[in-house]
Structure formats: structure tokens, C-alpha cells
Amino acid sequence: SHLRIEPDEDGTLRLHVHENAHNAARLGRQRVGPGQSAPVPREAWS
């Protein structure tokens, strides 16, 4: 169970990396590590 995507209170879609995951998500140059979240970009991410 690596990540979850859901809207926040404002309706912005956010990516949440599970706290037990070892690998971070990369949103362009931004690293989203385990237990962290960030807005989902319109472009591809990894």
C-alpha cells in the first residue's frame, strides 16, 4: 500500500505517501517521503 490520492478540504487533489513505504514519490524536483503529502501535479510524476 504505497500511496493514496484524495481531495483535501479545499478540493485540491493531494498525494499521500504511506508512512510504511520506503521509497518517496518525485513530483518534478519535489520529494514526497513516507508520511508526507503534496498536491498532485498536472504533469507526470514518479
All heavy atoms as atom14 arrays in JSON, in Angstrom:
{
  "sequence": "SHLRIEPDEDGTLRLHVHENAHNAARLGRQRVGPGQSAPVPREAWS",
  "atom14_mask": [
    [1, 1, 1, 1, 1, 1, 0, 0, 0, 0, 0, 0, 0, 0],
    [1, 1, 1, 1, 1, 1, 1, 1, 1, 1, 0, 0, 0, 0],
    [1, 1, 1, 1, 1, 1, 1, 1, 0, 0, 0, 0, 0, 0],
    [1, 1, 1, 1, 1, 1, 1, 1, 1, 1, 1, 0, 0, 0],
    [1, 1, 1, 1, 1, 1, 1, 1, 0, 0, 0, 0, 0, 0],
    [1, 1, 1, 1, 1, 1, 1, 1, 1, 0, 0, 0, 0, 0],
    [1, 1, 1, 1, 1, 1, 1, 0, 0, 0, 0, 0, 0, 0],
    [1, 1, 1, 1, 1, 1, 1, 1, 0, 0, 0, 0, 0, 0],
    [1, 1, 1, 1, 1, 1, 1, 1, 1, 0, 0, 0, 0, 0],
    [1, 1, 1, 1, 1, 1, 1, 1, 0, 0, 0, 0, 0, 0],
    [1, 1, 1, 1, 0, 0, 0, 0, 0, 0, 0, 0, 0, 0],
    [1, 1, 1, 1, 1, 1, 1, 0, 0, 0, 0, 0, 0, 0],
    [1, 1, 1, 1, 1, 1, 1, 1, 0, 0, 0, 0, 0, 0],
    [1, 1, 1, 1, 1, 1, 1, 1, 1, 1, 1, 0, 0, 0],
    [1, 1, 1, 1, 1, 1, 1, 1, 0, 0, 0, 0, 0, 0],
    [1, 1, 1, 1, 1, 1, 1, 1, 1, 1, 0, 0, 0, 0],
    [1, 1, 1, 1, 1, 1, 1, 0, 0, 0, 0, 0, 0, 0],
    [1, 1, 1, 1, 1, 1, 1, 1, 1, 1, 0, 0, 0, 0],
    [1, 1, 1, 1, 1, 1, 1, 1, 1, 0, 0, 0, 0, 0],
    [1, 1, 1, 1, 1, 1, 1, 1, 0, 0, 0, 0, 0, 0],
    [1, 1, 1, 1, 1, 0, 0, 0, 0, 0, 0, 0, 0, 0],
    [1, 1, 1, 1, 1, 1, 1, 1, 1, 1, 0, 0, 0, 0],
    [1, 1, 1, 1, 1, 1, 1, 1, 0, 0, 0, 0, 0, 0],
    [1, 1, 1, 1, 1, 0, 0, 0, 0, 0, 0, 0, 0, 0],
    [1, 1, 1, 1, 1, 0, 0, 0, 0, 0, 0, 0, 0, 0],
    [1, 1, 1, 1, 1, 1, 1, 1, 1, 1, 1, 0, 0, 0],
    [1, 1, 1, 1, 1, 1, 1, 1, 0, 0, 0, 0, 0, 0],
    [1, 1, 1, 1, 0, 0, 0, 0, 0, 0, 0, 0, 0, 0],
    [1, 1, 1, 1, 1, 1, 1, 1, 1, 1, 1, 0, 0, 0],
    [1, 1, 1, 1, 1, 1, 1, 1, 1, 0, 0, 0, 0, 0],
    [1, 1, 1, 1, 1, 1, 1, 1, 1, 1, 1, 0, 0, 0],
    [1, 1, 1, 1, 1, 1, 1, 0, 0, 0, 0, 0, 0, 0],
    [1, 1, 1, 1, 0, 0, 0, 0, 0, 0, 0, 0, 0, 0],
    [1, 1, 1, 1, 1, 1, 1, 0, 0, 0, 0, 0, 0, 0],
    [1, 1, 1, 1, 0, 0, 0, 0, 0, 0, 0, 0, 0, 0],
    [1, 1, 1, 1, 1, 1, 1, 1, 1, 0, 0, 0, 0, 0],
    [1, 1, 1, 1, 1, 1, 0, 0, 0, 0, 0, 0, 0, 0],
    [1, 1, 1, 1, 1, 0, 0, 0, 0, 0, 0, 0, 0, 0],
    [1, 1, 1, 1, 1, 1, 1, 0, 0, 0, 0, 0, 0, 0],
    [1, 1, 1, 1, 1, 1, 1, 0, 0, 0, 0, 0, 0, 0],
    [1, 1, 1, 1, 1, 1, 1, 0, 0, 0, 0, 0, 0, 0],
    [1, 1, 1, 1, 1, 1, 1, 1, 1, 1, 1, 0, 0, 0],
    [1, 1, 1, 1, 1, 1, 1, 1, 1, 0, 0, 0, 0, 0],
    [1, 1, 1, 1, 1, 0, 0, 0, 0, 0, 0, 0, 0, 0],
    [1, 1, 1, 1, 1, 1, 1, 1, 1, 1, 1, 1, 1, 1],
    [1, 1, 1, 1, 1, 1, 0, 0, 0, 0, 0, 0, 0, 0]
  ],
  "atom14_positions": [
    [[0.88, -1.17, 0.0], [0.0, 0.0, 0.0], [0.92, 1.21, 0.0], [1.39, 1.65, 1.05], [-0.89, -0.03, 1.25], [-1.72, 1.1, 1.26], [0.0, 0.0, 0.0], [0.0, 0.0, 0.0], [0.0, 0.0, 0.0], [0.0, 0.0, 0.0], [0.0, 0.0, 0.0], [0.0, 0.0, 0.0], [0.0, 0.0, 0.0], [0.0, 0.0, 0.0]],
    [[1.22, 1.77, -1.18], [2.27, 2.78, -1.28], [1.75, 4.21, -1.15], [2.33, 5.01, -0.44], [3.04, 2.63, -2.59], [4.39, 3.23, -2.52], [5.51, 2.51, -2.17], [4.81, 4.5, -2.71], [6.56, 3.3, -2.17], [6.16, 4.52, -2.49], [0.0, 0.0, 0.0], [0.0, 0.0, 0.0], [0.0, 0.0, 0.0], [0.0, 0.0, 0.0]],
    [[0.68, 4.53, -1.85], [0.19, 5.9, -1.77], [-1.31, 5.98, -1.96], [-1.94, 5.06, -2.45], [0.91, 6.81, -2.75], [0.89, 6.46, -4.24], [-0.26, 7.16, -4.93], [2.19, 6.91, -4.88], [0.0, 0.0, 0.0], [0.0, 0.0, 0.0], [0.0, 0.0, 0.0], [0.0, 0.0, 0.0], [0.0, 0.0, 0.0], [0.0, 0.0, 0.0]],
    [[-1.85, 7.12, -1.54], [-3.28, 7.4, -1.61], [-3.45, 8.77, -2.24], [-2.68, 9.69, -1.97], [-3.84, 7.39, -0.18], [-5.3, 7.63, -0.05], [-5.75, 7.56, 1.42], [-5.42, 8.79, 2.14], [-4.46, 8.93, 3.04], [-3.68, 7.92, 3.37], [-4.26, 10.08, 3.64], [0.0, 0.0, 0.0], [0.0, 0.0, 0.0], [0.0, 0.0, 0.0]],
    [[-4.46, 8.92, -3.09], [-4.75, 10.19, -3.73], [-6.18, 10.55, -3.37], [-7.1, 9.74, -3.53], [-4.61, 10.09, -5.27], [-3.17, 9.68, -5.63], [-4.99, 11.41, -5.94], [-2.99, 9.33, -7.09], [0.0, 0.0, 0.0], [0.0, 0.0, 0.0], [0.0, 0.0, 0.0], [0.0, 0.0, 0.0], [0.0, 0.0, 0.0], [0.0, 0.0, 0.0]],
    [[-6.37, 11.78, -2.85], [-7.7, 12.21, -2.46], [-7.75, 13.74, -2.38], [-6.73, 14.38, -2.18], [-8.1, 11.61, -1.11], [-7.26, 12.06, 0.05], [-7.59, 11.3, 1.33], [-8.7, 10.75, 1.44], [-6.74, 11.27, 2.22], [0.0, 0.0, 0.0], [0.0, 0.0, 0.0], [0.0, 0.0, 0.0], [0.0, 0.0, 0.0], [0.0, 0.0, 0.0]],
    [[-8.94, 14.31, -2.51], [-9.07, 15.76, -2.39], [-8.97, 16.19, -0.92], [-9.4, 15.47, -0.03], [-10.44, 16.07, -2.97], [-11.17, 14.78, -3.03], [-10.17, 13.67, -2.93], [0.0, 0.0, 0.0], [0.0, 0.0, 0.0], [0.0, 0.0, 0.0], [0.0, 0.0, 0.0], [0.0, 0.0, 0.0], [0.0, 0.0, 0.0], [0.0, 0.0, 0.0]],
    [[-8.4, 17.39, -0.7], [-8.37, 17.93, 0.66], [-9.63, 18.77, 0.89], [-10.55, 18.75, 0.07], [-7.08, 18.73, 0.91], [-6.94, 19.96, 0.02], [-7.93, 20.37, -0.62], [-5.84, 20.53, -0.02], [0.0, 0.0, 0.0], [0.0, 0.0, 0.0], [0.0, 0.0, 0.0], [0.0, 0.0, 0.0], [0.0, 0.0, 0.0], [0.0, 0.0, 0.0]],
    [[-9.68, 19.52, 1.98], [-10.86, 20.31, 2.33], [-11.21, 21.34, 1.26], [-12.37, 21.71, 1.1], [-10.65, 21.04, 3.67], [-10.2, 20.18, 4.82], [-8.7, 19.91, 4.81], [-7.89, 20.81, 4.53], [-8.33, 18.76, 5.06], [0.0, 0.0, 0.0], [0.0, 0.0, 0.0], [0.0, 0.0, 0.0], [0.0, 0.0, 0.0], [0.0, 0.0, 0.0]],
    [[-10.19, 21.83, 0.54], [-10.4, 22.84, -0.5], [-10.71, 22.23, -1.86], [-10.91, 22.96, -2.83], [-9.15, 23.72, -0.63], [-8.83, 24.47, 0.65], [-9.78, 24.78, 1.4], [-7.64, 24.74, 0.89], [0.0, 0.0, 0.0], [0.0, 0.0, 0.0], [0.0, 0.0, 0.0], [0.0, 0.0, 0.0], [0.0, 0.0, 0.0], [0.0, 0.0, 0.0]],
    [[-10.68, 20.89, -1.95], [-10.93, 20.22, -3.22], [-9.68, 19.98, -4.04], [-9.75, 19.42, -5.13], [0.0, 0.0, 0.0], [0.0, 0.0, 0.0], [0.0, 0.0, 0.0], [0.0, 0.0, 0.0], [0.0, 0.0, 0.0], [0.0, 0.0, 0.0], [0.0, 0.0, 0.0], [0.0, 0.0, 0.0], [0.0, 0.0, 0.0], [0.0, 0.0, 0.0]],
    [[-8.52, 20.39, -3.53], [-7.25, 20.15, -4.21], [-6.87, 18.69, -4.07], [-6.87, 18.14, -2.96], [-6.12, 21.02, -3.62], [-6.5, 22.39, -3.72], [-4.8, 20.79, -4.32], [0.0, 0.0, 0.0], [0.0, 0.0, 0.0], [0.0, 0.0, 0.0], [0.0, 0.0, 0.0], [0.0, 0.0, 0.0], [0.0, 0.0, 0.0], [0.0, 0.0, 0.0]],
    [[-6.56, 18.04, -5.18], [-6.17, 16.64, -5.15], [-4.77, 16.51, -4.57], [-3.84, 17.19, -5.02], [-6.22, 16.08, -6.57], [-6.55, 14.61, -6.74], [-7.86, 14.26, -6.04], [-6.63, 14.26, -8.2], [0.0, 0.0, 0.0], [0.0, 0.0, 0.0], [0.0, 0.0, 0.0], [0.0, 0.0, 0.0], [0.0, 0.0, 0.0], [0.0, 0.0, 0.0]],
    [[-4.62, 15.67, -3.55], [-3.32, 15.5, -2.87], [-2.89, 14.05, -2.91], [-3.69, 13.14, -2.83], [-3.41, 15.98, -1.42], [-3.65, 17.48, -1.32], [-3.52, 17.97, 0.08], [-2.17, 17.9, 0.61], [-1.22, 18.82, 0.41], [-1.46, 19.85, -0.35], [-0.04, 18.68, 0.95], [0.0, 0.0, 0.0], [0.0, 0.0, 0.0], [0.0, 0.0, 0.0]],
    [[-1.59, 13.88, -3.0], [-0.94, 12.57, -2.98], [-0.35, 12.39, -1.59], [0.36, 13.27, -1.1], [0.17, 12.57, -4.03], [1.04, 11.34, -4.1], [1.33, 11.03, -5.55], [2.34, 11.57, -3.35], [0.0, 0.0, 0.0], [0.0, 0.0, 0.0], [0.0, 0.0, 0.0], [0.0, 0.0, 0.0], [0.0, 0.0, 0.0], [0.0, 0.0, 0.0]],
    [[-0.65, 11.27, -0.94], [-0.14, 10.95, 0.39], [0.68, 9.67, 0.28], [0.14, 8.63, -0.1], [-1.3, 10.71, 1.38], [-2.26, 11.84, 1.48], [-2.1, 12.89, 2.36], [-3.41, 12.1, 0.8], [-3.1, 13.73, 2.21], [-3.91, 13.27, 1.28], [0.0, 0.0, 0.0], [0.0, 0.0, 0.0], [0.0, 0.0, 0.0], [0.0, 0.0, 0.0]],
    [[1.95, 9.73, 0.62], [2.8, 8.54, 0.62], [2.63, 7.86, 1.98], [2.75, 8.5, 3.03], [4.29, 8.89, 0.36], [5.16, 7.65, 0.44], [4.44, 9.57, -1.0], [0.0, 0.0, 0.0], [0.0, 0.0, 0.0], [0.0, 0.0, 0.0], [0.0, 0.0, 0.0], [0.0, 0.0, 0.0], [0.0, 0.0, 0.0], [0.0, 0.0, 0.0]],
    [[2.32, 6.57, 1.94], [2.08, 5.8, 3.17], [3.32, 5.85, 4.06], [4.45, 5.77, 3.58], [1.74, 4.35, 2.8], [1.16, 3.58, 3.92], [1.93, 3.02, 4.9], [-0.14, 3.29, 4.23], [1.15, 2.39, 5.76], [-0.11, 2.54, 5.38], [0.0, 0.0, 0.0], [0.0, 0.0, 0.0], [0.0, 0.0, 0.0], [0.0, 0.0, 0.0]],
    [[3.08, 5.97, 5.37], [4.2, 6.09, 6.31], [5.08, 4.84, 6.36], [6.24, 4.91, 6.76], [3.71, 6.44, 7.72], [2.64, 5.55, 8.29], [1.23, 5.95, 7.86], [1.02, 7.01, 7.26], [0.32, 5.15, 8.1], [0.0, 0.0, 0.0], [0.0, 0.0, 0.0], [0.0, 0.0, 0.0], [0.0, 0.0, 0.0], [0.0, 0.0, 0.0]],
    [[4.59, 3.68, 5.94], [5.39, 2.46, 5.93], [6.12, 2.22, 4.61], [6.84, 1.24, 4.49], [4.52, 1.25, 6.26], [4.03, 1.28, 7.7], [4.69, 1.83, 8.57], [2.87, 0.71, 7.94], [0.0, 0.0, 0.0], [0.0, 0.0, 0.0], [0.0, 0.0, 0.0], [0.0, 0.0, 0.0], [0.0, 0.0, 0.0], [0.0, 0.0, 0.0]],
    [[5.92, 3.1, 3.62], [6.61, 2.95, 2.34], [8.07, 3.38, 2.52], [8.38, 4.27, 3.3], [5.94, 3.82, 1.28], [0.0, 0.0, 0.0], [0.0, 0.0, 0.0], [0.0, 0.0, 0.0], [0.0, 0.0, 0.0], [0.0, 0.0, 0.0], [0.0, 0.0, 0.0], [0.0, 0.0, 0.0], [0.0, 0.0, 0.0], [0.0, 0.0, 0.0]],
    [[8.97, 2.73, 1.79], [10.39, 3.08, 1.88], [10.79, 4.09, 0.82], [11.7, 4.89, 1.03], [11.27, 1.83, 1.75], [11.16, 0.91, 2.91], [11.62, 1.22, 4.17], [10.6, -0.32, 3.01], [11.36, 0.22, 4.98], [10.74, -0.73, 4.31], [0.0, 0.0, 0.0], [0.0, 0.0, 0.0], [0.0, 0.0, 0.0], [0.0, 0.0, 0.0]],
    [[10.15, 4.07, -0.34], [10.53, 4.95, -1.44], [9.59, 6.14, -1.55], [8.38, 6.0, -1.42], [10.54, 4.17, -2.76], [11.65, 3.14, -2.78], [12.79, 3.46, -2.5], [11.31, 1.9, -3.08], [0.0, 0.0, 0.0], [0.0, 0.0, 0.0], [0.0, 0.0, 0.0], [0.0, 0.0, 0.0], [0.0, 0.0, 0.0], [0.0, 0.0, 0.0]],
    [[10.19, 7.29, -1.8], [9.43, 8.53, -1.92], [8.83, 8.66, -3.31], [9.23, 7.98, -4.25], [10.37, 9.72, -1.67], [0.0, 0.0, 0.0], [0.0, 0.0, 0.0], [0.0, 0.0, 0.0], [0.0, 0.0, 0.0], [0.0, 0.0, 0.0], [0.0, 0.0, 0.0], [0.0, 0.0, 0.0], [0.0, 0.0, 0.0], [0.0, 0.0, 0.0]],
    [[7.89, 9.56, -3.44], [7.37, 9.96, -4.74], [8.16, 11.2, -5.18], [8.64, 11.96, -4.34], [5.88, 10.3, -4.65], [0.0, 0.0, 0.0], [0.0, 0.0, 0.0], [0.0, 0.0, 0.0], [0.0, 0.0, 0.0], [0.0, 0.0, 0.0], [0.0, 0.0, 0.0], [0.0, 0.0, 0.0], [0.0, 0.0, 0.0], [0.0, 0.0, 0.0]],
    [[8.33, 11.37, -6.47], [9.01, 12.54, -7.02], [8.03, 13.3, -7.89], [7.53, 12.78, -8.89], [10.21, 12.12, -7.87], [11.33, 11.58, -7.05], [12.38, 12.66, -6.89], [13.42, 12.17, -6.02], [14.04, 12.93, -5.14], [13.73, 14.19, -5.04], [14.97, 12.44, -4.38], [0.0, 0.0, 0.0], [0.0, 0.0, 0.0], [0.0, 0.0, 0.0]],
    [[7.74, 14.53, -7.49], [6.85, 15.4, -8.24], [7.73, 16.5, -8.83], [7.95, 17.52, -8.19], [5.76, 15.99, -7.34], [5.01, 14.99, -6.46], [4.14, 15.68, -5.45], [4.19, 14.06, -7.33], [0.0, 0.0, 0.0], [0.0, 0.0, 0.0], [0.0, 0.0, 0.0], [0.0, 0.0, 0.0], [0.0, 0.0, 0.0], [0.0, 0.0, 0.0]],
    [[8.28, 16.24, -10.0], [9.29, 17.14, -10.54], [10.53, 17.07, -9.67], [11.07, 15.99, -9.45], [0.0, 0.0, 0.0], [0.0, 0.0, 0.0], [0.0, 0.0, 0.0], [0.0, 0.0, 0.0], [0.0, 0.0, 0.0], [0.0, 0.0, 0.0], [0.0, 0.0, 0.0], [0.0, 0.0, 0.0], [0.0, 0.0, 0.0], [0.0, 0.0, 0.0]],
    [[10.94, 18.18, -9.1], [12.11, 18.2, -8.2], [11.73, 18.01, -6.74], [12.58, 17.91, -5.87], [12.86, 19.52, -8.36], [13.52, 19.66, -9.69], [14.21, 20.99, -9.79], [14.83, 21.12, -11.09], [16.14, 21.24, -11.26], [16.95, 21.25, -10.24], [16.62, 21.35, -12.48], [0.0, 0.0, 0.0], [0.0, 0.0, 0.0], [0.0, 0.0, 0.0]],
    [[10.43, 17.98, -6.46], [9.95, 17.83, -5.09], [9.91, 16.36, -4.68], [9.35, 15.53, -5.38], [8.57, 18.45, -4.94], [8.02, 18.34, -3.54], [6.6, 18.88, -3.44], [6.0, 19.28, -4.41], [6.07, 18.89, -2.23], [0.0, 0.0, 0.0], [0.0, 0.0, 0.0], [0.0, 0.0, 0.0], [0.0, 0.0, 0.0], [0.0, 0.0, 0.0]],
    [[10.49, 16.06, -3.54], [10.46, 14.72, -2.97], [9.35, 14.67, -1.93], [9.29, 15.52, -1.04], [11.8, 14.4, -2.32], [11.86, 13.04, -1.67], [13.19, 12.86, -0.92], [13.32, 11.52, -0.39], [12.79, 11.1, 0.74], [12.08, 11.91, 1.49], [12.98, 9.85, 1.15], [0.0, 0.0, 0.0], [0.0, 0.0, 0.0], [0.0, 0.0, 0.0]],
    [[8.48, 13.67, -2.04], [7.4, 13.47, -1.06], [7.68, 12.13, -0.41], [7.46, 11.08, -0.99], [6.01, 13.49, -1.73], [4.92, 13.33, -0.68], [5.82, 14.76, -2.54], [0.0, 0.0, 0.0], [0.0, 0.0, 0.0], [0.0, 0.0, 0.0], [0.0, 0.0, 0.0], [0.0, 0.0, 0.0], [0.0, 0.0, 0.0], [0.0, 0.0, 0.0]],
    [[8.22, 12.19, 0.82], [8.65, 10.99, 1.51], [7.54, 10.31, 2.28], [6.4, 10.81, 2.35], [0.0, 0.0, 0.0], [0.0, 0.0, 0.0], [0.0, 0.0, 0.0], [0.0, 0.0, 0.0], [0.0, 0.0, 0.0], [0.0, 0.0, 0.0], [0.0, 0.0, 0.0], [0.0, 0.0, 0.0], [0.0, 0.0, 0.0], [0.0, 0.0, 0.0]],
    [[7.84, 9.17, 2.88], [6.87, 8.44, 3.68], [6.24, 9.33, 4.75], [6.93, 10.08, 5.44], [7.7, 7.32, 4.3], [8.81, 7.11, 3.33], [9.13, 8.49, 2.82], [0.0, 0.0, 0.0], [0.0, 0.0, 0.0], [0.0, 0.0, 0.0], [0.0, 0.0, 0.0], [0.0, 0.0, 0.0], [0.0, 0.0, 0.0], [0.0, 0.0, 0.0]],
    [[4.9, 9.28, 4.84], [4.18, 10.09, 5.81], [3.92, 11.52, 5.35], [3.29, 12.28, 6.06], [0.0, 0.0, 0.0], [0.0, 0.0, 0.0], [0.0, 0.0, 0.0], [0.0, 0.0, 0.0], [0.0, 0.0, 0.0], [0.0, 0.0, 0.0], [0.0, 0.0, 0.0], [0.0, 0.0, 0.0], [0.0, 0.0, 0.0], [0.0, 0.0, 0.0]],
    [[4.39, 11.9, 4.16], [4.21, 13.27, 3.66], [3.16, 13.3, 2.56], [2.79, 12.27, 1.99], [5.52, 13.82, 3.11], [6.61, 13.92, 4.15], [7.91, 14.42, 3.55], [8.21, 14.22, 2.38], [8.71, 15.09, 4.38], [0.0, 0.0, 0.0], [0.0, 0.0, 0.0], [0.0, 0.0, 0.0], [0.0, 0.0, 0.0], [0.0, 0.0, 0.0]],
    [[2.7, 14.52, 2.25], [1.74, 14.69, 1.16], [2.05, 15.96, 0.39], [2.77, 16.83, 0.88], [0.31, 14.73, 1.7], [0.09, 15.91, 2.42], [0.0, 0.0, 0.0], [0.0, 0.0, 0.0], [0.0, 0.0, 0.0], [0.0, 0.0, 0.0], [0.0, 0.0, 0.0], [0.0, 0.0, 0.0], [0.0, 0.0, 0.0], [0.0, 0.0, 0.0]],
    [[1.49, 16.05, -0.83], [1.69, 17.22, -1.69], [0.57, 17.25, -2.72], [-0.04, 16.21, -3.02], [3.04, 17.13, -2.4], [0.0, 0.0, 0.0], [0.0, 0.0, 0.0], [0.0, 0.0, 0.0], [0.0, 0.0, 0.0], [0.0, 0.0, 0.0], [0.0, 0.0, 0.0], [0.0, 0.0, 0.0], [0.0, 0.0, 0.0], [0.0, 0.0, 0.0]],
    [[0.28, 18.43, -3.28], [-0.72, 18.49, -4.35], [-0.27, 17.66, -5.55], [0.91, 17.61, -5.89], [-0.77, 19.97, -4.71], [-0.19, 20.69, -3.55], [0.8, 19.75, -2.92], [0.0, 0.0, 0.0], [0.0, 0.0, 0.0], [0.0, 0.0, 0.0], [0.0, 0.0, 0.0], [0.0, 0.0, 0.0], [0.0, 0.0, 0.0], [0.0, 0.0, 0.0]],
    [[-1.23, 16.98, -6.17], [-0.93, 16.18, -7.36], [-0.72, 17.11, -8.55], [-1.58, 17.94, -8.83], [-2.08, 15.19, -7.65], [-1.84, 14.44, -8.94], [-2.25, 14.23, -6.5], [0.0, 0.0, 0.0], [0.0, 0.0, 0.0], [0.0, 0.0, 0.0], [0.0, 0.0, 0.0], [0.0, 0.0, 0.0], [0.0, 0.0, 0.0], [0.0, 0.0, 0.0]],
    [[0.41, 17.0, -9.23], [0.65, 17.88, -10.37], [-0.12, 17.45, -11.61], [-0.56, 16.3, -11.7], [2.16, 17.74, -10.61], [2.47, 16.37, -10.12], [1.54, 16.11, -8.97], [0.0, 0.0, 0.0], [0.0, 0.0, 0.0], [0.0, 0.0, 0.0], [0.0, 0.0, 0.0], [0.0, 0.0, 0.0], [0.0, 0.0, 0.0], [0.0, 0.0, 0.0]],
    [[-0.27, 18.35, -12.55], [-0.94, 18.02, -13.82], [-0.02, 17.2, -14.72], [-0.49, 16.46, -15.57], [-1.35, 19.29, -14.56], [-2.44, 20.05, -13.86], [-3.77, 19.41, -14.1], [-4.83, 20.15, -13.44], [-6.07, 19.8, -13.46], [-6.45, 18.73, -14.12], [-6.98, 20.49, -12.83], [0.0, 0.0, 0.0], [0.0, 0.0, 0.0], [0.0, 0.0, 0.0]],
    [[1.29, 17.32, -14.55], [2.23, 16.54, -15.36], [2.55, 15.21, -14.67], [2.14, 14.96, -13.55], [3.51, 17.34, -15.63], [4.32, 17.66, -14.41], [3.89, 18.92, -13.66], [3.02, 19.67, -14.14], [4.41, 19.12, -12.55], [0.0, 0.0, 0.0], [0.0, 0.0, 0.0], [0.0, 0.0, 0.0], [0.0, 0.0, 0.0], [0.0, 0.0, 0.0]],
    [[3.29, 14.38, -15.37], [3.67, 13.06, -14.86], [4.61, 13.2, -13.66], [5.33, 14.19, -13.53], [4.32, 12.24, -15.96], [0.0, 0.0, 0.0], [0.0, 0.0, 0.0], [0.0, 0.0, 0.0], [0.0, 0.0, 0.0], [0.0, 0.0, 0.0], [0.0, 0.0, 0.0], [0.0, 0.0, 0.0], [0.0, 0.0, 0.0], [0.0, 0.0, 0.0]],
    [[4.59, 12.2, -12.78], [5.45, 12.14, -11.6], [5.84, 10.69, -11.39], [5.38, 9.82, -12.11], [4.73, 12.74, -10.38], [3.31, 12.34, -10.24], [2.24, 12.9, -10.87], [2.78, 11.27, -9.46], [1.08, 12.23, -10.52], [1.39, 11.23, -9.65], [3.37, 10.33, -8.6], [0.57, 10.31, -9.02], [2.55, 9.42, -7.98], [1.16, 9.42, -8.18]],
    [[6.71, 10.42, -10.42], [7.21, 9.06, -10.31], [7.28, 8.57, -8.86], [7.35, 9.34, -7.92], [8.6, 8.95, -10.94], [9.52, 9.75, -10.23], [0.0, 0.0, 0.0], [0.0, 0.0, 0.0], [0.0, 0.0, 0.0], [0.0, 0.0, 0.0], [0.0, 0.0, 0.0], [0.0, 0.0, 0.0], [0.0, 0.0, 0.0], [0.0, 0.0, 0.0]]
  ]
}
